[in-house]
Structures are given as C-alpha cells and as structure tokens.
N, C-alpha and C. Protein backbone atom coordinates (compact mmCIF):
# COMPACT_ATOMS: atom_id res chain seq x y z
N MET A 1 35.52 68.55 16.14
CA MET A 1 35.83 67.95 14.89
C MET A 1 34.77 66.90 14.57
N THR A 2 34.26 66.91 13.34
CA THR A 2 33.19 66.04 12.92
C THR A 2 33.73 65.00 11.95
N ASP A 3 33.29 63.79 12.13
CA ASP A 3 33.74 62.70 11.25
C ASP A 3 32.84 62.63 10.05
N HIS A 4 33.35 62.83 8.85
CA HIS A 4 32.58 62.78 7.59
C HIS A 4 32.96 61.58 6.76
N SER A 5 33.38 60.48 7.36
CA SER A 5 33.77 59.29 6.59
C SER A 5 32.53 58.64 5.98
N PRO A 6 32.67 57.92 4.89
CA PRO A 6 31.53 57.34 4.18
C PRO A 6 30.71 56.37 5.02
N GLN A 7 31.30 55.68 6.00
CA GLN A 7 30.53 54.71 6.77
C GLN A 7 29.51 55.35 7.69
N ASN A 8 29.71 56.58 8.11
CA ASN A 8 28.77 57.23 9.01
C ASN A 8 27.96 58.30 8.31
N SER A 9 28.02 58.41 7.02
CA SER A 9 27.43 59.53 6.32
C SER A 9 25.93 59.49 6.20
N SER A 10 25.29 58.26 6.04
CA SER A 10 23.84 58.28 5.89
C SER A 10 23.22 56.99 6.41
N PRO A 11 21.95 57.10 6.87
CA PRO A 11 21.27 55.91 7.34
C PRO A 11 20.93 54.94 6.22
N ALA A 12 20.90 55.37 4.98
CA ALA A 12 20.57 54.51 3.83
C ALA A 12 21.58 53.39 3.70
N LYS A 13 22.82 53.65 3.97
CA LYS A 13 23.85 52.62 3.86
C LYS A 13 23.67 51.56 4.93
N LYS A 14 23.20 51.93 6.12
CA LYS A 14 22.96 50.95 7.17
C LYS A 14 21.83 50.01 6.77
N SER A 15 20.78 50.55 6.16
CA SER A 15 19.67 49.70 5.75
C SER A 15 20.08 48.77 4.62
N SER A 16 20.99 49.21 3.74
CA SER A 16 21.44 48.31 2.69
C SER A 16 22.27 47.18 3.27
N ALA A 17 22.96 47.42 4.39
CA ALA A 17 23.70 46.36 5.05
C ALA A 17 22.73 45.32 5.61
N LYS A 18 21.58 45.76 6.13
CA LYS A 18 20.58 44.83 6.61
C LYS A 18 20.02 44.00 5.47
N LYS A 19 19.82 44.59 4.31
CA LYS A 19 19.31 43.87 3.15
C LYS A 19 20.29 42.80 2.70
N ASP A 20 21.58 43.04 2.85
CA ASP A 20 22.58 42.06 2.44
C ASP A 20 22.48 40.79 3.27
N LYS A 21 22.10 40.91 4.55
CA LYS A 21 21.99 39.74 5.41
C LYS A 21 20.81 38.87 5.02
N THR A 22 19.71 39.44 4.62
CA THR A 22 18.51 38.69 4.27
C THR A 22 18.72 37.75 3.09
N PRO A 23 19.29 38.21 1.97
CA PRO A 23 19.49 37.28 0.85
C PRO A 23 20.41 36.11 1.20
N ARG A 24 21.41 36.34 2.06
CA ARG A 24 22.30 35.23 2.42
C ARG A 24 21.51 34.14 3.16
N HIS A 25 20.65 34.51 4.06
CA HIS A 25 19.82 33.55 4.80
C HIS A 25 18.87 32.85 3.85
N SER A 26 18.26 33.56 2.94
CA SER A 26 17.35 32.99 1.95
C SER A 26 18.10 32.04 1.03
N SER A 27 19.30 32.39 0.68
CA SER A 27 20.12 31.53 -0.18
C SER A 27 20.41 30.20 0.50
N SER A 28 20.62 30.23 1.81
CA SER A 28 20.86 29.01 2.57
C SER A 28 19.64 28.10 2.52
N LYS A 29 18.43 28.68 2.65
CA LYS A 29 17.21 27.89 2.56
C LYS A 29 17.05 27.31 1.17
N THR A 30 17.38 28.07 0.14
CA THR A 30 17.28 27.60 -1.24
C THR A 30 18.24 26.44 -1.46
N THR A 31 19.44 26.54 -0.97
CA THR A 31 20.43 25.47 -1.11
C THR A 31 19.94 24.21 -0.40
N SER A 32 19.43 24.35 0.80
CA SER A 32 18.90 23.21 1.54
C SER A 32 17.73 22.57 0.81
N SER A 33 16.88 23.39 0.24
CA SER A 33 15.73 22.90 -0.52
C SER A 33 16.19 22.13 -1.76
N LYS A 34 17.22 22.64 -2.42
CA LYS A 34 17.76 21.96 -3.60
C LYS A 34 18.35 20.60 -3.23
N ILE A 35 19.06 20.54 -2.10
CA ILE A 35 19.66 19.28 -1.65
C ILE A 35 18.56 18.27 -1.33
N THR A 36 17.52 18.71 -0.64
CA THR A 36 16.39 17.84 -0.31
C THR A 36 15.71 17.34 -1.57
N SER A 37 15.53 18.22 -2.51
CA SER A 37 14.90 17.86 -3.79
C SER A 37 15.76 16.84 -4.54
N ARG A 38 17.06 17.03 -4.55
CA ARG A 38 17.96 16.08 -5.23
C ARG A 38 17.93 14.72 -4.54
N THR A 39 17.89 14.74 -3.21
CA THR A 39 17.82 13.48 -2.46
C THR A 39 16.55 12.73 -2.79
N ARG A 40 15.43 13.45 -2.84
CA ARG A 40 14.17 12.80 -3.20
C ARG A 40 14.22 12.26 -4.61
N SER A 41 14.78 13.02 -5.52
CA SER A 41 14.90 12.56 -6.91
C SER A 41 15.74 11.29 -7.00
N LYS A 42 16.83 11.24 -6.26
CA LYS A 42 17.68 10.04 -6.25
C LYS A 42 16.92 8.85 -5.69
N GLU A 43 16.15 9.06 -4.62
CA GLU A 43 15.37 7.97 -4.03
C GLU A 43 14.33 7.44 -5.02
N ILE A 44 13.70 8.34 -5.74
CA ILE A 44 12.70 7.94 -6.74
C ILE A 44 13.36 7.14 -7.86
N ILE A 45 14.50 7.59 -8.31
CA ILE A 45 15.23 6.89 -9.38
C ILE A 45 15.68 5.51 -8.91
N ILE A 46 16.20 5.42 -7.69
CA ILE A 46 16.64 4.12 -7.16
C ILE A 46 15.46 3.17 -7.05
N SER A 47 14.34 3.66 -6.56
CA SER A 47 13.14 2.83 -6.44
C SER A 47 12.68 2.35 -7.82
N ALA A 48 12.69 3.23 -8.79
CA ALA A 48 12.28 2.86 -10.15
C ALA A 48 13.23 1.81 -10.73
N LEU A 49 14.52 1.95 -10.48
CA LEU A 49 15.50 0.97 -10.97
C LEU A 49 15.30 -0.40 -10.31
N GLU A 50 15.02 -0.40 -9.02
CA GLU A 50 14.78 -1.67 -8.32
C GLU A 50 13.53 -2.36 -8.88
N THR A 51 12.49 -1.58 -9.12
CA THR A 51 11.26 -2.14 -9.69
C THR A 51 11.53 -2.69 -11.09
N ALA A 52 12.29 -1.96 -11.88
CA ALA A 52 12.62 -2.41 -13.23
C ALA A 52 13.44 -3.71 -13.18
N GLN A 53 14.37 -3.81 -12.24
CA GLN A 53 15.16 -5.03 -12.11
C GLN A 53 14.29 -6.23 -11.73
N GLN A 54 13.31 -6.00 -10.86
CA GLN A 54 12.40 -7.09 -10.48
C GLN A 54 11.57 -7.53 -11.69
N GLU A 55 11.11 -6.57 -12.47
CA GLU A 55 10.32 -6.90 -13.65
C GLU A 55 11.17 -7.64 -14.69
N ILE A 56 12.42 -7.24 -14.84
CA ILE A 56 13.32 -7.92 -15.77
C ILE A 56 13.54 -9.37 -15.32
N ALA A 57 13.70 -9.58 -14.02
CA ALA A 57 13.89 -10.95 -13.50
C ALA A 57 12.65 -11.80 -13.80
N LYS A 58 11.46 -11.24 -13.61
CA LYS A 58 10.23 -11.97 -13.90
C LYS A 58 10.13 -12.30 -15.39
N LEU A 59 10.44 -11.33 -16.23
CA LEU A 59 10.38 -11.56 -17.67
C LEU A 59 11.41 -12.60 -18.11
N SER A 60 12.58 -12.57 -17.51
CA SER A 60 13.61 -13.57 -17.82
C SER A 60 13.13 -14.97 -17.47
N ALA A 61 12.45 -15.09 -16.33
CA ALA A 61 11.90 -16.39 -15.93
C ALA A 61 10.84 -16.86 -16.91
N LEU A 62 10.01 -15.95 -17.36
CA LEU A 62 8.98 -16.31 -18.34
C LEU A 62 9.59 -16.72 -19.68
N ILE A 63 10.64 -16.05 -20.08
CA ILE A 63 11.34 -16.41 -21.32
C ILE A 63 11.93 -17.81 -21.18
N SER A 64 12.53 -18.07 -20.03
CA SER A 64 13.11 -19.40 -19.79
C SER A 64 12.03 -20.48 -19.83
N ALA A 65 10.88 -20.22 -19.21
CA ALA A 65 9.78 -21.19 -19.23
C ALA A 65 9.27 -21.38 -20.66
N SER A 66 9.18 -20.31 -21.41
CA SER A 66 8.74 -20.40 -22.81
C SER A 66 9.70 -21.25 -23.64
N GLN A 67 10.99 -21.07 -23.40
CA GLN A 67 11.98 -21.87 -24.12
C GLN A 67 11.85 -23.35 -23.77
N THR A 68 11.58 -23.64 -22.51
CA THR A 68 11.39 -25.03 -22.09
C THR A 68 10.15 -25.62 -22.75
N ILE A 69 9.07 -24.86 -22.74
CA ILE A 69 7.82 -25.34 -23.36
C ILE A 69 8.04 -25.66 -24.83
N ASN A 70 8.79 -24.82 -25.49
CA ASN A 70 9.03 -25.01 -26.92
C ASN A 70 10.12 -26.02 -27.23
N SER A 71 10.86 -26.47 -26.21
CA SER A 71 11.97 -27.38 -26.47
C SER A 71 11.64 -28.84 -26.19
N THR A 72 10.47 -29.11 -25.63
CA THR A 72 10.15 -30.49 -25.30
C THR A 72 8.67 -30.78 -25.54
N LEU A 73 8.40 -32.03 -25.79
CA LEU A 73 7.02 -32.47 -25.92
C LEU A 73 6.60 -33.27 -24.69
N GLU A 74 7.50 -33.39 -23.74
CA GLU A 74 7.24 -34.13 -22.50
C GLU A 74 6.42 -33.27 -21.55
N LEU A 75 5.15 -33.64 -21.35
CA LEU A 75 4.22 -32.84 -20.55
C LEU A 75 4.70 -32.65 -19.12
N ASP A 76 5.19 -33.70 -18.48
CA ASP A 76 5.65 -33.58 -17.09
C ASP A 76 6.77 -32.55 -16.96
N GLU A 77 7.69 -32.55 -17.90
CA GLU A 77 8.80 -31.60 -17.86
C GLU A 77 8.29 -30.17 -18.04
N VAL A 78 7.36 -29.98 -18.95
CA VAL A 78 6.80 -28.65 -19.19
C VAL A 78 6.06 -28.16 -17.95
N LEU A 79 5.23 -29.02 -17.37
CA LEU A 79 4.47 -28.64 -16.17
C LEU A 79 5.39 -28.34 -14.99
N ASP A 80 6.43 -29.13 -14.82
CA ASP A 80 7.39 -28.88 -13.74
C ASP A 80 8.04 -27.50 -13.89
N ARG A 81 8.44 -27.18 -15.12
CA ARG A 81 9.11 -25.90 -15.36
C ARG A 81 8.14 -24.72 -15.15
N ILE A 82 6.91 -24.88 -15.61
CA ILE A 82 5.92 -23.81 -15.41
C ILE A 82 5.65 -23.62 -13.91
N LEU A 83 5.50 -24.72 -13.20
CA LEU A 83 5.24 -24.64 -11.76
C LEU A 83 6.42 -24.02 -11.02
N LEU A 84 7.63 -24.41 -11.38
CA LEU A 84 8.82 -23.84 -10.76
C LEU A 84 8.88 -22.33 -10.99
N THR A 85 8.64 -21.92 -12.23
CA THR A 85 8.66 -20.49 -12.56
C THR A 85 7.59 -19.73 -11.79
N ALA A 86 6.39 -20.29 -11.73
CA ALA A 86 5.29 -19.62 -11.03
C ALA A 86 5.57 -19.49 -9.53
N THR A 87 6.01 -20.57 -8.90
CA THR A 87 6.25 -20.53 -7.46
C THR A 87 7.42 -19.60 -7.11
N GLU A 88 8.44 -19.58 -7.94
CA GLU A 88 9.56 -18.66 -7.68
C GLU A 88 9.11 -17.21 -7.78
N ASN A 89 8.29 -16.91 -8.77
CA ASN A 89 7.89 -15.52 -8.99
C ASN A 89 6.89 -14.99 -7.97
N VAL A 90 6.13 -15.87 -7.35
CA VAL A 90 5.21 -15.41 -6.30
C VAL A 90 5.76 -15.76 -4.92
N ARG A 91 6.98 -16.30 -4.90
CA ARG A 91 7.69 -16.66 -3.66
C ARG A 91 6.87 -17.63 -2.80
N ALA A 92 6.32 -18.63 -3.46
CA ALA A 92 5.57 -19.68 -2.77
C ALA A 92 6.49 -20.88 -2.56
N ASP A 93 6.20 -21.66 -1.54
CA ASP A 93 7.02 -22.85 -1.31
C ASP A 93 6.49 -24.06 -2.05
N ARG A 94 5.25 -23.97 -2.57
CA ARG A 94 4.69 -25.06 -3.38
C ARG A 94 3.53 -24.53 -4.20
N GLY A 95 3.10 -25.31 -5.13
CA GLY A 95 1.97 -24.92 -5.98
C GLY A 95 1.42 -26.14 -6.70
N THR A 96 0.28 -25.95 -7.33
CA THR A 96 -0.36 -27.03 -8.08
C THR A 96 -0.89 -26.47 -9.38
N ILE A 97 -0.72 -27.21 -10.44
CA ILE A 97 -1.30 -26.86 -11.73
C ILE A 97 -2.39 -27.89 -12.02
N TYR A 98 -3.58 -27.40 -12.25
CA TYR A 98 -4.68 -28.28 -12.63
C TYR A 98 -4.92 -28.13 -14.12
N LEU A 99 -5.11 -29.24 -14.78
CA LEU A 99 -5.42 -29.27 -16.20
C LEU A 99 -6.87 -29.72 -16.38
N VAL A 100 -7.51 -29.20 -17.41
CA VAL A 100 -8.91 -29.56 -17.67
C VAL A 100 -8.95 -30.75 -18.62
N ASP A 101 -9.68 -31.76 -18.22
CA ASP A 101 -9.93 -32.93 -19.06
C ASP A 101 -11.41 -32.85 -19.46
N GLU A 102 -11.67 -32.15 -20.55
CA GLU A 102 -13.06 -31.91 -20.97
C GLU A 102 -13.84 -33.20 -21.28
N PRO A 103 -13.24 -34.15 -22.03
CA PRO A 103 -14.02 -35.36 -22.34
C PRO A 103 -14.51 -36.10 -21.09
N ASN A 104 -13.74 -36.08 -20.01
CA ASN A 104 -14.13 -36.77 -18.78
C ASN A 104 -14.80 -35.84 -17.77
N GLY A 105 -14.87 -34.54 -18.09
CA GLY A 105 -15.50 -33.59 -17.17
C GLY A 105 -14.77 -33.46 -15.85
N GLU A 106 -13.42 -33.44 -15.92
CA GLU A 106 -12.61 -33.40 -14.71
C GLU A 106 -11.49 -32.36 -14.83
N ILE A 107 -10.97 -32.01 -13.68
CA ILE A 107 -9.67 -31.33 -13.64
C ILE A 107 -8.72 -32.31 -12.97
N TRP A 108 -7.46 -32.26 -13.37
CA TRP A 108 -6.52 -33.20 -12.80
C TRP A 108 -5.15 -32.55 -12.62
N SER A 109 -4.39 -33.14 -11.74
CA SER A 109 -3.04 -32.66 -11.47
C SER A 109 -2.17 -33.83 -11.05
N LYS A 110 -0.90 -33.72 -11.34
CA LYS A 110 0.07 -34.70 -10.87
C LYS A 110 0.85 -34.04 -9.74
N VAL A 111 1.00 -34.77 -8.65
CA VAL A 111 1.74 -34.24 -7.51
C VAL A 111 2.83 -35.22 -7.12
N LEU A 112 3.87 -34.67 -6.55
CA LEU A 112 4.99 -35.49 -6.10
C LEU A 112 4.79 -35.80 -4.63
N GLN A 113 4.76 -37.09 -4.31
CA GLN A 113 4.68 -37.52 -2.92
C GLN A 113 5.85 -38.46 -2.69
N GLY A 114 6.86 -37.92 -1.99
CA GLY A 114 8.10 -38.68 -1.85
C GLY A 114 8.77 -38.74 -3.21
N GLU A 115 8.98 -39.95 -3.70
CA GLU A 115 9.58 -40.13 -5.03
C GLU A 115 8.54 -40.50 -6.06
N GLU A 116 7.30 -40.63 -5.63
CA GLU A 116 6.24 -41.11 -6.51
C GLU A 116 5.32 -39.96 -6.92
N LYS A 117 4.96 -39.94 -8.21
CA LYS A 117 4.00 -38.95 -8.69
C LYS A 117 2.61 -39.56 -8.65
N LEU A 118 1.70 -38.85 -7.98
CA LEU A 118 0.32 -39.28 -7.89
C LEU A 118 -0.55 -38.34 -8.73
N GLU A 119 -1.65 -38.86 -9.20
CA GLU A 119 -2.58 -38.06 -9.99
C GLU A 119 -3.81 -37.77 -9.15
N ILE A 120 -4.20 -36.51 -9.13
CA ILE A 120 -5.43 -36.10 -8.44
C ILE A 120 -6.45 -35.74 -9.51
N ARG A 121 -7.64 -36.31 -9.41
CA ARG A 121 -8.72 -36.01 -10.36
C ARG A 121 -9.95 -35.57 -9.58
N LEU A 122 -10.54 -34.46 -10.02
CA LEU A 122 -11.73 -33.91 -9.38
C LEU A 122 -12.77 -33.58 -10.46
N PRO A 123 -14.06 -33.74 -10.14
CA PRO A 123 -15.09 -33.37 -11.11
C PRO A 123 -15.07 -31.86 -11.35
N LEU A 124 -15.29 -31.44 -12.58
CA LEU A 124 -15.35 -30.02 -12.90
C LEU A 124 -16.46 -29.34 -12.10
N GLY A 125 -16.15 -28.16 -11.56
CA GLY A 125 -17.15 -27.37 -10.84
C GLY A 125 -17.41 -27.81 -9.43
N ARG A 126 -16.65 -28.75 -8.89
CA ARG A 126 -16.86 -29.21 -7.51
C ARG A 126 -15.56 -29.11 -6.74
N GLY A 127 -15.70 -28.88 -5.43
CA GLY A 127 -14.53 -28.84 -4.57
C GLY A 127 -13.85 -27.48 -4.56
N TRP A 128 -12.80 -27.38 -3.79
CA TRP A 128 -12.12 -26.08 -3.64
C TRP A 128 -11.42 -25.57 -4.89
N PRO A 129 -10.91 -26.40 -5.81
CA PRO A 129 -10.31 -25.84 -7.01
C PRO A 129 -11.32 -25.12 -7.91
N ALA A 130 -12.61 -25.43 -7.76
CA ALA A 130 -13.64 -24.79 -8.58
C ALA A 130 -14.00 -23.40 -8.05
N MET A 131 -13.58 -23.07 -6.86
CA MET A 131 -13.97 -21.79 -6.25
C MET A 131 -13.33 -20.62 -6.93
C-alpha cells in the first residue's frame, strides 16, 4: 500500500517549507534593526532637547542682564549684573570686567576685596589684560 497524502507527494513542498523559515529569521533582524534605529532616534532627540534647554537658559540670562542694563543708570549695578551673568554662563567662580578709559589711555576695573571695592588701572596695551 502506497501513501499518496499531500504532505509526501512532492519535493517542491519541502523546499517551500524551507523558504518559510528564512523570511521569519529575516523579519526578526528587521525588527531588531527598527528597534535600534528608534533607540538612536530617541537619543538624538533627547540630546537636541537638552542642548535647546541649555541655550534657552543662556538666552534667558542675557535677557535678564539686558533688562537690568536698561533699568538702571548705576554703573556698578550694571557691571555686577553683567559679570554675574557671564560667570554663571561659563561656570566660572570669578571674573573681571575691564573698561577702556580712552582719555587717560587706561583700562580699569573695580574689584571687591572683602567689603571694599578697589579700582585697578592699567596702561592700555601693557600687562596681561592686553594679551
């Protein structure tokens, strides 16, 4: 007695079964690739958002300094606010602003020493501030 059932009838059906396994494996690689791509996209977006937030913080500080400059005629207050904004944005623990005094040919700065403000004056083009 010979078995003529469809599963044993031809070798072509066996090869089609092998073909079915290949696309499933390929599909798994495609899914993994898509997940990796999505993860990278999310990382790029998060990085861009963090950069944008940092830039917004810097711009907000500049707006605040601009408002201070426009709200007072007191030079010391304006210079303090500009220096505070600059040192915060570059994450420095201190800084100095030098102003040019053209009639006297000097640059000068006011610094806080203890509770007293001292004035530093240097000839234009000389010393380390000229570098």
